C-alpha atoms as a PDB file:
ATOM      1  CA  MET A   1     -24.172   2.512 -24.063  1.00  0.00           C
ATOM      2  CA  SER A   2     -24.179   5.779 -25.997  1.00  0.00           C
ATOM      3  CA  GLN A   3     -21.927   6.564 -28.916  1.00  0.00           C
ATOM      4  CA  GLU A   4     -20.220   9.269 -26.843  1.00  0.00           C
ATOM      5  CA  SER A   5     -19.234   6.806 -24.128  1.00  0.00           C
ATOM      6  CA  GLU A   6     -18.010   4.300 -26.731  1.00  0.00           C
ATOM      7  CA  GLU A   7     -15.837   7.005 -28.324  1.00  0.00           C
ATOM      8  CA  LYS A   8     -14.420   7.991 -24.927  1.00  0.00           C
ATOM      9  CA  ILE A   9     -13.643   4.351 -24.125  1.00  0.00           C
ATOM     10  CA  ALA A  10     -11.865   3.990 -27.484  1.00  0.00           C
ATOM     11  CA  GLN A  11      -9.837   7.128 -26.724  1.00  0.00           C
ATOM     12  CA  LEU A  12      -8.929   5.729 -23.316  1.00  0.00           C
ATOM     13  CA  GLN A  13      -7.804   2.445 -24.852  1.00  0.00           C
ATOM     14  CA  PHE A  14      -5.665   4.377 -27.350  1.00  0.00           C
ATOM     15  CA  LEU A  15      -4.083   6.393 -24.525  1.00  0.00           C
ATOM     16  CA  GLU A  16      -3.369   3.203 -22.579  1.00  0.00           C
ATOM     17  CA  GLN A  17      -1.702   1.634 -25.629  1.00  0.00           C
ATOM     18  CA  ASN A  18       0.480   4.728 -26.026  1.00  0.00           C
ATOM     19  CA  LEU A  19       1.339   4.570 -22.354  1.00  0.00           C
ATOM     20  CA  GLN A  20       2.369   0.915 -22.670  1.00  0.00           C
ATOM     21  CA  GLY A  21       4.638   1.836 -25.594  1.00  0.00           C
ATOM     22  CA  LEU A  22       6.232   4.607 -23.551  1.00  0.00           C
ATOM     23  CA  LEU A  23       6.772   2.289 -20.609  1.00  0.00           C
ATOM     24  CA  SER A  24       8.478  -0.199 -22.899  1.00  0.00           C
ATOM     25  CA  GLN A  25      10.780   2.533 -24.241  1.00  0.00           C
ATOM     26  CA  LYS A  26      11.456   3.753 -20.715  1.00  0.00           C
ATOM     27  CA  GLN A  27      12.460   0.263 -19.617  1.00  0.00           C
ATOM     28  CA  MET A  28      14.806  -0.087 -22.599  1.00  0.00           C
ATOM     29  CA  PHE A  29      16.508   3.244 -21.841  1.00  0.00           C
ATOM     30  CA  GLN A  30      16.802   2.402 -18.136  1.00  0.00           C
ATOM     31  CA  SER A  31      18.545  -0.825 -19.115  1.00  0.00           C
ATOM     32  CA  GLN A  32      20.906   1.078 -21.430  1.00  0.00           C
ATOM     33  CA  LEU A  33      21.610   3.566 -18.654  1.00  0.00           C
ATOM     34  CA  MET A  34      22.542   0.772 -16.243  1.00  0.00           C
ATOM     35  CA  GLU A  35      24.832  -0.801 -18.842  1.00  0.00           C
ATOM     36  CA  THR A  36      26.487   2.536 -19.530  1.00  0.00           C
ATOM     37  CA  ASP A  37      26.952   3.251 -15.806  1.00  0.00           C
ATOM     38  CA  ASN A  38      28.501  -0.202 -15.343  1.00  0.00           C
ATOM     39  CA  ALA A  39      30.831   0.356 -18.301  1.00  0.00           C
ATOM     40  CA  ILE A  40      31.925   3.749 -16.921  1.00  0.00           C
ATOM     41  CA  GLY A  41      32.603   2.162 -13.532  1.00  0.00           C
ATOM     42  CA  GLU A  42      34.556  -0.741 -15.009  1.00  0.00           C
ATOM     43  CA  LEU A  43      36.557   1.553 -17.240  1.00  0.00           C
ATOM     44  CA  GLY A  44      37.451   3.799 -14.308  1.00  0.00           C
ATOM     45  CA  SER A  45      38.649   0.923 -12.131  1.00  0.00           C
ATOM     46  CA  SER A  46      40.502  -1.066 -14.808  1.00  0.00           C
ATOM     47  CA  LYS A  47      44.256  -0.805 -15.220  1.00  0.00           C
ATOM     48  CA  GLY A  48      44.557  -2.550 -18.579  1.00  0.00           C
ATOM     49  CA  ASP A  49      43.702  -1.628 -22.151  1.00  0.00           C
ATOM     50  CA  ALA A  50      40.236  -0.492 -23.147  1.00  0.00           C
ATOM     51  CA  TYR A  51      38.322  -2.016 -26.033  1.00  0.00           C
ATOM     52  CA  LYS A  52      35.025  -1.172 -27.672  1.00  0.00           C
ATOM     53  CA  PHE A  53      32.775  -2.947 -30.097  1.00  0.00           C
ATOM     54  CA  ILE A  54      32.622  -1.630 -33.621  1.00  0.00           C
ATOM     55  CA  GLY A  55      30.127  -3.775 -35.427  1.00  0.00           C
ATOM     56  CA  SER A  56      30.950  -7.310 -34.377  1.00  0.00           C
ATOM     57  CA  ILE A  57      34.650  -6.820 -33.563  1.00  0.00           C
ATOM     58  CA  LEU A  58      36.543  -5.444 -30.568  1.00  0.00           C
ATOM     59  CA  VAL A  59      38.926  -2.577 -31.257  1.00  0.00           C
ATOM     60  CA  LEU A  60      41.596  -1.179 -28.924  1.00  0.00           C
ATOM     61  CA  SER A  61      40.514   2.313 -27.869  1.00  0.00           C
ATOM     62  CA  ASP A  62      41.907   5.258 -25.967  1.00  0.00           C
ATOM     63  CA  LYS A  63      40.594   4.970 -22.416  1.00  0.00           C
ATOM     64  CA  THR A  64      40.024   8.712 -21.966  1.00  0.00           C
ATOM     65  CA  GLU A  65      38.172   9.012 -25.263  1.00  0.00           C
ATOM     66  CA  LEU A  66      36.059   5.977 -24.443  1.00  0.00           C
ATOM     67  CA  GLN A  67      35.120   7.451 -21.042  1.00  0.00           C
ATOM     68  CA  LYS A  68      34.133  10.685 -22.778  1.00  0.00           C
ATOM     69  CA  GLU A  69      31.956   8.774 -25.279  1.00  0.00           C
ATOM     70  CA  LEU A  70      30.263   6.815 -22.490  1.00  0.00           C
ATOM     71  CA  LYS A  71      29.539   9.966 -20.469  1.00  0.00           C
ATOM     72  CA  GLU A  72      28.035  11.635 -23.553  1.00  0.00           C
ATOM     73  CA  ARG A  73      25.929   8.537 -24.173  1.00  0.00           C
ATOM     74  CA  LYS A  74      24.749   8.637 -20.563  1.00  0.00           C
ATOM     75  CA  GLU A  75      23.702  12.291 -20.915  1.00  0.00           C
ATOM     76  CA  ILE A  76      21.707  11.493 -24.060  1.00  0.00           C
ATOM     77  CA  ILE A  77      19.978   8.552 -22.378  1.00  0.00           C
ATOM     78  CA  ASP A  78      19.171  10.723 -19.345  1.00  0.00           C
ATOM     79  CA  LEU A  79      17.591  13.345 -21.612  1.00  0.00           C
ATOM     80  CA  ARG A  80      15.521  10.725 -23.408  1.00  0.00           C
ATOM     81  CA  LEU A  81      14.355   9.255 -20.103  1.00  0.00           C
ATOM     82  CA  LYS A  82      13.291  12.683 -18.850  1.00  0.00           C
ATOM     83  CA  ALA A  83      11.342  13.314 -22.056  1.00  0.00           C
ATOM     84  CA  ILE A  84       9.630   9.927 -21.798  1.00  0.00           C
ATOM     85  CA  GLU A  85       8.771  10.521 -18.132  1.00  0.00           C
ATOM     86  CA  LYS A  86       7.268  13.898 -19.038  1.00  0.00           C
ATOM     87  CA  GLN A  87       5.161  12.275 -21.785  1.00  0.00           C
ATOM     88  CA  GLU A  88       4.176   9.497 -19.408  1.00  0.00           C
ATOM     89  CA  GLY A  89       2.938  11.993 -16.829  1.00  0.00           C
ATOM     90  CA  SER A  90       0.947  13.858 -19.447  1.00  0.00           C
ATOM     91  CA  LEU A  91      -0.656  10.677 -20.787  1.00  0.00           C
ATOM     92  CA  ARG A  92      -1.506   9.479 -17.281  1.00  0.00           C
ATOM     93  CA  LYS A  93      -3.264  12.775 -16.500  1.00  0.00           C
ATOM     94  CA  LYS A  94      -5.238  12.602 -19.755  1.00  0.00           C
ATOM     95  CA  ALA A  95      -6.181   8.977 -19.089  1.00  0.00           C
ATOM     96  CA  GLU A  96      -7.322   9.751 -15.542  1.00  0.00           C
ATOM     97  CA  ALA A  97      -9.429  12.693 -16.736  1.00  0.00           C
ATOM     98  CA  LEU A  98     -10.945  10.546 -19.475  1.00  0.00           C
ATOM     99  CA  GLN A  99     -11.732   7.771 -16.985  1.00  0.00           C
ATOM    100  CA  LYS A 100     -13.589  10.270 -14.811  1.00  0.00           C
ATOM    101  CA  GLU A 101     -15.536  11.528 -17.839  1.00  0.00           C
ATOM    102  CA  ILE A 102     -16.483   7.981 -18.795  1.00  0.00           C
ATOM    103  CA  MET A 103     -17.626   7.196 -15.258  1.00  0.00           C
ATOM    104  CA  GLU A 104     -19.801  10.332 -15.206  1.00  0.00           C
ATOM    105  CA  ILE A 105     -21.309   9.491 -18.592  1.00  0.00           C
ATOM    106  CA  LEU A 106     -22.036   5.915 -17.507  1.00  0.00           C
ATOM    107  CA  LYS A 107     -23.619   7.099 -14.238  1.00  0.00           C
ATOM    108  CA  GLY A 108     -25.851   9.450 -16.212  1.00  0.00           C
ATOM    109  CA  GLU A 109     -26.933   6.654 -18.569  1.00  0.00           C
ATOM    110  CA  LYS A 110     -28.211   4.408 -15.757  1.00  0.00           C
END
């Protein structure tokens, strides 16, 4: 195997590691988004007081203000998810192109 093909394979492995990291982040943000959506839904349907965690304690909060905070949090998470998905698409395209290059190099070496 030539040095060029070894370098391309190393680049591909690096891209795949970056992609795995992005997928992990994406999963974390999707989980946060689901939690936030559930909290917004529960807050909208509840008749009682609203509480939020500050550190390790629950504090009575204004329901309207808490809904506003949750909606802002949801918007931020959505933006982060879109950015991650854009990066993911870019990395996938680079990885696919690199795979094709490697296959061509390997075919030429046979």
